[in-house]
PDB file of N, CA and C in Angstrom:
ATOM      1  N   MET A   1     -23.862 195.068-169.437  1.00  0.00           N
ATOM      2  CA  MET A   1     -24.883 195.953-169.930  1.00  0.00           C
ATOM      3  C   MET A   1     -24.437 197.388-169.740  1.00  0.00           C
ATOM      4  N   LYS A   2     -24.979 198.232-170.594  1.00  0.00           N
ATOM      5  CA  LYS A   2     -24.691 199.650-170.489  1.00  0.00           C
ATOM      6  C   LYS A   2     -26.017 200.396-170.346  1.00  0.00           C
ATOM      7  N   SER A   3     -26.078 201.246-169.372  1.00  0.00           N
ATOM      8  CA  SER A   3     -27.276 202.033-169.134  1.00  0.00           C
ATOM      9  C   SER A   3     -27.514 202.989-170.292  1.00  0.00           C
ATOM     10  N   ALA A   4     -28.771 203.154-170.680  1.00  0.00           N
ATOM     11  CA  ALA A   4     -29.115 204.086-171.752  1.00  0.00           C
ATOM     12  C   ALA A   4     -29.961 205.207-171.168  1.00  0.00           C
ATOM     13  N   MET A   5     -29.642 206.410-171.549  1.00  0.00           N
ATOM     14  CA  MET A   5     -30.400 207.567-171.092  1.00  0.00           C
ATOM     15  C   MET A   5     -31.017 208.238-172.310  1.00  0.00           C
ATOM     16  N   SER A   6     -32.129 208.831-172.103  1.00  0.00           N
ATOM     17  CA  SER A   6     -32.808 209.521-173.181  1.00  0.00           C
ATOM     18  C   SER A   6     -32.053 210.792-173.553  1.00  0.00           C
ATOM     19  N   ARG A   7     -32.228 211.213-174.783  1.00  0.00           N
ATOM     20  CA  ARG A   7     -31.598 212.460-175.222  1.00  0.00           C
ATOM     21  C   ARG A   7     -32.265 213.639-174.530  1.00  0.00           C
ATOM     22  N   LYS A   8     -31.523 214.626-174.262  1.00  0.00           N
ATOM     23  CA  LYS A   8     -32.031 215.806-173.575  1.00  0.00           C
ATOM     24  C   LYS A   8     -33.192 216.422-174.363  1.00  0.00           C
ATOM     25  N   GLY A   9     -34.312 216.602-173.681  1.00  0.00           N
ATOM     26  CA  GLY A   9     -35.461 217.249-174.287  1.00  0.00           C
ATOM     27  C   GLY A   9     -36.296 216.369-175.192  1.00  0.00           C
ATOM     28  N   ASP A  10     -36.023 215.071-175.259  1.00  0.00           N
ATOM     29  CA  ASP A  10     -36.786 214.171-176.138  1.00  0.00           C
ATOM     30  C   ASP A  10     -37.557 213.163-175.292  1.00  0.00           C
ATOM     31  N   CYS A  11     -38.796 213.511-174.975  1.00  0.00           N
ATOM     32  CA  CYS A  11     -39.603 212.652-174.100  1.00  0.00           C
ATOM     33  C   CYS A  11     -39.992 211.340-174.774  1.00  0.00           C
ATOM     34  N   TRP A  12     -39.886 211.228-176.094  1.00  0.00           N
ATOM     35  CA  TRP A  12     -40.317 210.027-176.802  1.00  0.00           C
ATOM     36  C   TRP A  12     -39.286 208.900-176.722  1.00  0.00           C
ATOM     37  N   ASP A  13     -38.060 209.196-176.337  1.00  0.00           N
ATOM     38  CA  ASP A  13     -37.035 208.155-176.252  1.00  0.00           C
ATOM     39  C   ASP A  13     -37.441 207.028-175.309  1.00  0.00           C
ATOM     40  N   ASN A  14     -38.074 207.369-174.220  1.00  0.00           N
ATOM     41  CA  ASN A  14     -38.372 206.390-173.190  1.00  0.00           C
ATOM     42  C   ASN A  14     -39.842 205.966-173.164  1.00  0.00           C
ATOM     43  N   ALA A  15     -40.640 206.412-174.098  1.00  0.00           N
ATOM     44  CA  ALA A  15     -42.078 206.146-174.089  1.00  0.00           C
ATOM     45  C   ALA A  15     -42.430 204.662-174.089  1.00  0.00           C
ATOM     46  N   PRO A  16     -41.811 203.812-174.928  1.00  0.00           N
ATOM     47  CA  PRO A  16     -42.179 202.388-174.899  1.00  0.00           C
ATOM     48  C   PRO A  16     -41.898 201.731-173.552  1.00  0.00           C
ATOM     49  N   THR A  17     -40.787 202.075-172.937  1.00  0.00           N
ATOM     50  CA  THR A  17     -40.453 201.491-171.641  1.00  0.00           C
ATOM     51  C   THR A  17     -41.425 201.962-170.569  1.00  0.00           C
ATOM     52  N   GLU A  18     -41.746 203.242-170.574  1.00  0.00           N
ATOM     53  CA  GLU A  18     -42.689 203.759-169.588  1.00  0.00           C
ATOM     54  C   GLU A  18     -44.063 203.123-169.770  1.00  0.00           C
ATOM     55  N   SER A  19     -44.478 202.908-171.005  1.00  0.00           N
ATOM     56  CA  SER A  19     -45.749 202.250-171.273  1.00  0.00           C
ATOM     57  C   SER A  19     -45.750 200.830-170.732  1.00  0.00           C
ATOM     58  N   PHE A  20     -44.665 200.112-170.956  1.00  0.00           N
ATOM     59  CA  PHE A  20     -44.528 198.729-170.473  1.00  0.00           C
ATOM     60  C   PHE A  20     -44.677 198.678-168.953  1.00  0.00           C
ATOM     61  N   TRP A  21     -43.914 199.522-168.238  1.00  0.00           N
ATOM     62  CA  TRP A  21     -43.967 199.497-166.775  1.00  0.00           C
ATOM     63  C   TRP A  21     -45.322 199.966-166.262  1.00  0.00           C
ATOM     64  N   GLY A  22     -45.935 200.920-166.948  1.00  0.00           N
ATOM     65  CA  GLY A  22     -47.265 201.369-166.547  1.00  0.00           C
ATOM     66  C   GLY A  22     -48.289 200.262-166.655  1.00  0.00           C
ATOM     67  N   ARG A  23     -48.224 199.497-167.733  1.00  0.00           N
ATOM     68  CA  ARG A  23     -49.165 198.381-167.906  1.00  0.00           C
ATOM     69  C   ARG A  23     -48.953 197.306-166.842  1.00  0.00           C
ATOM     70  N   LEU A  24     -47.714 197.050-166.503  1.00  0.00           N
ATOM     71  CA  LEU A  24     -47.420 196.081-165.447  1.00  0.00           C
ATOM     72  C   LEU A  24     -48.019 196.539-164.125  1.00  0.00           C
ATOM     73  N   LYS A  25     -47.784 197.780-163.768  1.00  0.00           N
ATOM     74  CA  LYS A  25     -48.274 198.288-162.489  1.00  0.00           C
ATOM     75  C   LYS A  25     -49.792 198.238-162.419  1.00  0.00           C
ATOM     76  N   VAL A  26     -50.467 198.719-163.450  1.00  0.00           N
ATOM     77  CA  VAL A  26     -51.928 198.746-163.440  1.00  0.00           C
ATOM     78  C   VAL A  26     -52.501 197.335-163.543  1.00  0.00           C
ATOM     79  N   GLY A  27     -51.910 196.517-164.397  1.00  0.00           N
ATOM     80  CA  GLY A  27     -52.453 195.176-164.641  1.00  0.00           C
ATOM     81  C   GLY A  27     -52.212 194.172-163.538  1.00  0.00           C
ATOM     82  N   ARG A  28     -51.113 194.296-162.825  1.00  0.00           N
ATOM     83  CA  ARG A  28     -50.772 193.246-161.865  1.00  0.00           C
ATOM     84  C   ARG A  28     -50.368 193.693-160.475  1.00  0.00           C
ATOM     85  N   LEU A  29     -49.936 194.929-160.307  1.00  0.00           N
ATOM     86  CA  LEU A  29     -49.344 195.279-159.021  1.00  0.00           C
ATOM     87  C   LEU A  29     -50.189 196.191-158.144  1.00  0.00           C
ATOM     88  N   TYR A  30     -50.887 197.171-158.725  1.00  0.00           N
ATOM     89  CA  TYR A  30     -51.677 198.079-157.905  1.00  0.00           C
ATOM     90  C   TYR A  30     -52.731 197.315-157.123  1.00  0.00           C
ATOM     91  N   GLY A  31     -52.828 197.605-155.849  1.00  0.00           N
ATOM     92  CA  GLY A  31     -53.833 196.973-155.006  1.00  0.00           C
ATOM     93  C   GLY A  31     -53.434 195.622-154.450  1.00  0.00           C
ATOM     94  N   HIS A  32     -52.297 195.096-154.843  1.00  0.00           N
ATOM     95  CA  HIS A  32     -51.834 193.803-154.338  1.00  0.00           C
ATOM     96  C   HIS A  32     -50.778 194.016-153.259  1.00  0.00           C
ATOM     97  N   ARG A  33     -50.846 193.193-152.245  1.00  0.00           N
ATOM     98  CA  ARG A  33     -49.808 193.198-151.213  1.00  0.00           C
ATOM     99  C   ARG A  33     -49.161 191.827-151.243  1.00  0.00           C
ATOM    100  N   PHE A  34     -47.857 191.807-151.302  1.00  0.00           N
ATOM    101  CA  PHE A  34     -47.111 190.563-151.376  1.00  0.00           C
ATOM    102  C   PHE A  34     -46.428 190.316-150.039  1.00  0.00           C
ATOM    103  N   ALA A  35     -46.505 189.079-149.589  1.00  0.00           N
ATOM    104  CA  ALA A  35     -45.898 188.722-148.303  1.00  0.00           C
ATOM    105  C   ALA A  35     -44.377 188.719-148.394  1.00  0.00           C
ATOM    106  N   THR A  36     -43.860 188.348-149.564  1.00  0.00           N
ATOM    107  CA  THR A  36     -42.410 188.265-149.724  1.00  0.00           C
ATOM    108  C   THR A  36     -41.996 188.906-151.042  1.00  0.00           C
ATOM    109  N   ARG A  37     -40.750 189.235-151.127  1.00  0.00           N
ATOM    110  CA  ARG A  37     -40.195 189.769-152.368  1.00  0.00           C
ATOM    111  C   ARG A  37     -40.266 188.712-153.463  1.00  0.00           C
ATOM    112  N   ARG A  38     -40.067 187.462-153.096  1.00  0.00           N
ATOM    113  CA  ARG A  38     -40.135 186.364-154.070  1.00  0.00           C
ATOM    114  C   ARG A  38     -41.518 186.282-154.717  1.00  0.00           C
ATOM    115  N   GLN A  39     -42.571 186.471-153.933  1.00  0.00           N
ATOM    116  CA  GLN A  39     -43.927 186.450-154.495  1.00  0.00           C
ATOM    117  C   GLN A  39     -44.119 187.604-155.480  1.00  0.00           C
ATOM    118  N   ALA A  40     -43.614 188.769-155.143  1.00  0.00           N
ATOM    119  CA  ALA A  40     -43.719 189.913-156.053  1.00  0.00           C
ATOM    120  C   ALA A  40     -42.946 189.646-157.342  1.00  0.00           C
ATOM    121  N   MET A  41     -41.751 189.098-157.216  1.00  0.00           N
ATOM    122  CA  MET A  41     -40.946 188.785-158.406  1.00  0.00           C
ATOM    123  C   MET A  41     -41.638 187.749-159.283  1.00  0.00           C
ATOM    124  N   ALA A  42     -42.245 186.736-158.656  1.00  0.00           N
ATOM    125  CA  ALA A  42     -42.953 185.704-159.417  1.00  0.00           C
ATOM    126  C   ALA A  42     -44.118 186.313-160.193  1.00  0.00           C
ATOM    127  N   GLU A  43     -44.812 187.254-159.591  1.00  0.00           N
ATOM    128  CA  GLU A  43     -45.926 187.920-160.270  1.00  0.00           C
ATOM    129  C   GLU A  43     -45.433 188.735-161.461  1.00  0.00           C
ATOM    130  N   VAL A  44     -44.337 189.443-161.291  1.00  0.00           N
ATOM    131  CA  VAL A  44     -43.764 190.232-162.381  1.00  0.00           C
ATOM    132  C   VAL A  44     -43.305 189.324-163.521  1.00  0.00           C
ATOM    133  N   ILE A  45     -42.642 188.232-163.198  1.00  0.00           N
ATOM    134  CA  ILE A  45     -42.164 187.299-164.225  1.00  0.00           C
ATOM    135  C   ILE A  45     -43.337 186.674-164.965  1.00  0.00           C
ATOM    136  N   ASP A  46     -44.387 186.295-164.233  1.00  0.00           N
ATOM    137  CA  ASP A  46     -45.571 185.719-164.876  1.00  0.00           C
ATOM    138  C   ASP A  46     -46.196 186.725-165.841  1.00  0.00           C
ATOM    139  N   TRP A  47     -46.298 187.983-165.409  1.00  0.00           N
ATOM    140  CA  TRP A  47     -46.886 189.002-166.267  1.00  0.00           C
ATOM    141  C   TRP A  47     -46.022 189.259-167.493  1.00  0.00           C
ATOM    142  N   MET A  48     -44.698 189.300-167.319  1.00  0.00           N
ATOM    143  CA  MET A  48     -43.806 189.535-168.456  1.00  0.00           C
ATOM    144  C   MET A  48     -43.886 188.388-169.461  1.00  0.00           C
ATOM    145  N   THR A  49     -44.036 187.175-168.968  1.00  0.00           N
ATOM    146  CA  THR A  49     -44.203 186.028-169.861  1.00  0.00           C
ATOM    147  C   THR A  49     -45.475 186.182-170.675  1.00  0.00           C
ATOM    148  N   PHE A  50     -46.561 186.561-170.010  1.00  0.00           N
ATOM    149  CA  PHE A  50     -47.809 186.817-170.731  1.00  0.00           C
ATOM    150  C   PHE A  50     -47.621 187.937-171.749  1.00  0.00           C
ATOM    151  N   TYR A  51     -47.024 189.040-171.314  1.00  0.00           N
ATOM    152  CA  TYR A  51     -46.889 190.232-172.151  1.00  0.00           C
ATOM    153  C   TYR A  51     -46.118 189.940-173.436  1.00  0.00           C
ATOM    154  N   HIS A  52     -45.085 189.144-173.351  1.00  0.00           N
ATOM    155  CA  HIS A  52     -44.239 188.895-174.525  1.00  0.00           C
ATOM    156  C   HIS A  52     -44.633 187.659-175.330  1.00  0.00           C
ATOM    157  N   HIS A  53     -45.205 186.658-174.686  1.00  0.00           N
ATOM    158  CA  HIS A  53     -45.449 185.390-175.373  1.00  0.00           C
ATOM    159  C   HIS A  53     -46.906 185.134-175.736  1.00  0.00           C
ATOM    160  N   ARG A  54     -47.851 185.666-174.965  1.00  0.00           N
ATOM    161  CA  ARG A  54     -49.252 185.336-175.218  1.00  0.00           C
ATOM    162  C   ARG A  54     -50.128 186.524-175.609  1.00  0.00           C
ATOM    163  N   ARG A  55     -49.773 187.725-175.215  1.00  0.00           N
ATOM    164  CA  ARG A  55     -50.591 188.910-175.482  1.00  0.00           C
ATOM    165  C   ARG A  55     -50.583 189.217-176.976  1.00  0.00           C
ATOM    166  N   ARG A  56     -51.764 189.312-177.555  1.00  0.00           N
ATOM    167  CA  ARG A  56     -51.862 189.668-178.972  1.00  0.00           C
ATOM    168  C   ARG A  56     -51.847 191.187-179.109  1.00  0.00           C
ATOM    169  N   HIS A  57     -51.126 191.665-180.107  1.00  0.00           N
ATOM    170  CA  HIS A  57     -50.933 193.100-180.285  1.00  0.00           C
ATOM    171  C   HIS A  57     -51.501 193.515-181.633  1.00  0.00           C
ATOM    172  N   SER A  58     -52.420 194.459-181.621  1.00  0.00           N
ATOM    173  CA  SER A  58     -53.098 194.857-182.860  1.00  0.00           C
ATOM    174  C   SER A  58     -52.132 195.407-183.903  1.00  0.00           C
ATOM    175  N   THR A  59     -51.116 196.141-183.473  1.00  0.00           N
ATOM    176  CA  THR A  59     -50.155 196.715-184.420  1.00  0.00           C
ATOM    177  C   THR A  59     -49.323 195.642-185.108  1.00  0.00           C
ATOM    178  N   LEU A  60     -49.211 194.481-184.490  1.00  0.00           N
ATOM    179  CA  LEU A  60     -48.404 193.386-185.044  1.00  0.00           C
ATOM    180  C   LEU A  60     -49.270 192.358-185.770  1.00  0.00           C
ATOM    181  N   GLY A  61     -50.471 192.734-186.151  1.00  0.00           N
ATOM    182  CA  GLY A  61     -51.354 191.806-186.855  1.00  0.00           C
ATOM    183  C   GLY A  61     -51.981 190.780-185.930  1.00  0.00           C
ATOM    184  N   TYR A  62     -52.198 191.155-184.679  1.00  0.00           N
ATOM    185  CA  TYR A  62     -52.821 190.301-183.670  1.00  0.00           C
ATOM    186  C   TYR A  62     -52.055 189.018-183.403  1.00  0.00           C
ATOM    187  N   VAL A  63     -50.742 189.128-183.382  1.00  0.00           N
ATOM    188  CA  VAL A  63     -49.885 188.039-182.916  1.00  0.00           C
ATOM    189  C   VAL A  63     -49.091 188.574-181.731  1.00  0.00           C
ATOM    190  N   SER A  64     -48.518 187.681-180.957  1.00  0.00           N
ATOM    191  CA  SER A  64     -47.733 188.104-179.802  1.00  0.00           C
ATOM    192  C   SER A  64     -46.423 188.732-180.263  1.00  0.00           C
ATOM    193  N   PRO A  65     -45.817 189.582-179.449  1.00  0.00           N
ATOM    194  CA  PRO A  65     -44.532 190.155-179.826  1.00  0.00           C
ATOM    195  C   PRO A  65     -43.468 189.089-180.114  1.00  0.00           C
ATOM    196  N   MET A  66     -43.463 188.014-179.345  1.00  0.00           N
ATOM    197  CA  MET A  66     -42.473 186.961-179.560  1.00  0.00           C
ATOM    198  C   MET A  66     -42.693 186.262-180.903  1.00  0.00           C
ATOM    199  N   ARG A  67     -43.939 185.952-181.222  1.00  0.00           N
ATOM    200  CA  ARG A  67     -44.224 185.295-182.509  1.00  0.00           C
ATOM    201  C   ARG A  67     -43.889 186.223-183.674  1.00  0.00           C
ATOM    202  N   PHE A  68     -44.192 187.506-183.531  1.00  0.00           N
ATOM    203  CA  PHE A  68     -43.858 188.471-184.572  1.00  0.00           C
ATOM    204  C   PHE A  68     -42.353 188.511-184.803  1.00  0.00           C
ATOM    205  N   GLU A  69     -41.584 188.553-183.718  1.00  0.00           N
ATOM    206  CA  GLU A  69     -40.132 188.605-183.853  1.00  0.00           C
ATOM    207  C   GLU A  69     -39.587 187.321-184.477  1.00  0.00           C
ATOM    208  N   GLN A  70     -40.142 186.182-184.081  1.00  0.00           N
ATOM    209  CA  GLN A  70     -39.690 184.917-184.666  1.00  0.00           C
ATOM    210  C   GLN A  70     -39.965 184.897-186.168  1.00  0.00           C
ATOM    211  N   SER A  71     -41.134 185.372-186.570  1.00  0.00           N
ATOM    212  CA  SER A  71     -41.466 185.426-188.003  1.00  0.00           C
ATOM    213  C   SER A  71     -40.554 186.393-188.740  1.00  0.00           C
ATOM    214  N   TRP A  72     -40.278 187.519-188.113  1.00  0.00           N
ATOM    215  CA  TRP A  72     -39.406 188.527-188.725  1.00  0.00           C
ATOM    216  C   TRP A  72     -38.005 187.983-188.918  1.00  0.00           C
ATOM    217  N   LEU A  73     -37.498 187.264-187.919  1.00  0.00           N
ATOM    218  CA  LEU A  73     -36.156 186.702-188.023  1.00  0.00           C
ATOM    219  C   LEU A  73     -36.092 185.568-189.055  1.00  0.00           C
ATOM    220  N   ALA A  74     -37.172 184.845-189.225  1.00  0.00           N
ATOM    221  CA  ALA A  74     -37.183 183.729-190.170  1.00  0.00           C
ATOM    222  C   ALA A  74     -37.397 184.182-191.619  1.00  0.00           C
ATOM    223  N   ALA A  75     -37.885 185.391-191.828  1.00  0.00           N
ATOM    224  CA  ALA A  75     -38.203 185.867-193.186  1.00  0.00           C
ATOM    225  C   ALA A  75     -37.002 185.810-194.131  1.00  0.00           C
ATOM    226  N   PRO A  76     -35.800 186.254-193.742  1.00  0.00           N
ATOM    227  CA  PRO A  76     -34.672 186.168-194.666  1.00  0.00           C
ATOM    228  C   PRO A  76     -34.311 184.715-195.029  1.00  0.00           C
ATOM    229  N   LEU A  77     -34.540 183.808-194.119  1.00  0.00           N
ATOM    230  CA  LEU A  77     -34.259 182.391-194.411  1.00  0.00           C
ATOM    231  C   LEU A  77     -35.204 181.846-195.458  1.00  0.00           C
ATOM    232  N   ARG A  78     -36.483 182.276-195.385  1.00  0.00           N
ATOM    233  CA  ARG A  78     -37.464 181.819-196.383  1.00  0.00           C
ATOM    234  C   ARG A  78     -37.141 182.397-197.748  1.00  0.00           C
ATOM    235  N   LYS A  79     -36.656 183.638-197.797  1.00  0.00           N
ATOM    236  CA  LYS A  79     -36.317 184.251-199.077  1.00  0.00           C
ATOM    237  C   LYS A  79     -35.099 183.592-199.698  1.00  0.00           C
ATOM    238  N   ALA A  80     -34.155 183.157-198.859  1.00  0.00           N
ATOM    239  CA  ALA A  80     -32.921 182.541-199.359  1.00  0.00           C
ATOM    240  C   ALA A  80     -33.176 181.136-199.892  1.00  0.00           C
ATOM    241  N   ALA A  81     -34.216 180.493-199.418  1.00  0.00           N
ATOM    242  CA  ALA A  81     -34.481 179.102-199.813  1.00  0.00           C
ATOM    243  C   ALA A  81     -35.098 178.995-201.175  1.00  0.00           C
TER     244      ALA A  81
END
C-alpha cells in the first residue's frame, strides 16, 4: 500500500474519510470502555460490516454501498449480453 496525502490547501480531499471515522466514533465508540484491544477491534469490524453491507444510503437510491458497487460492476456485463 502507498499512503495518500491530501493536496496542499484542499480540505475536501479527505472529507469522505473523515466523515467515515466520525460516524464510527459517534455511533460505536464514544462512551464505551473496552476491556481488551480485541473487543475494540471486534466492535470496529462489526460496525464496518454494517456500514458497507447493510446501511442504506439515500444518495445511492437507498441501497447499501456494497450492493450499489456490485450493481455498478455488473452493469457492463448486462449491456454486453
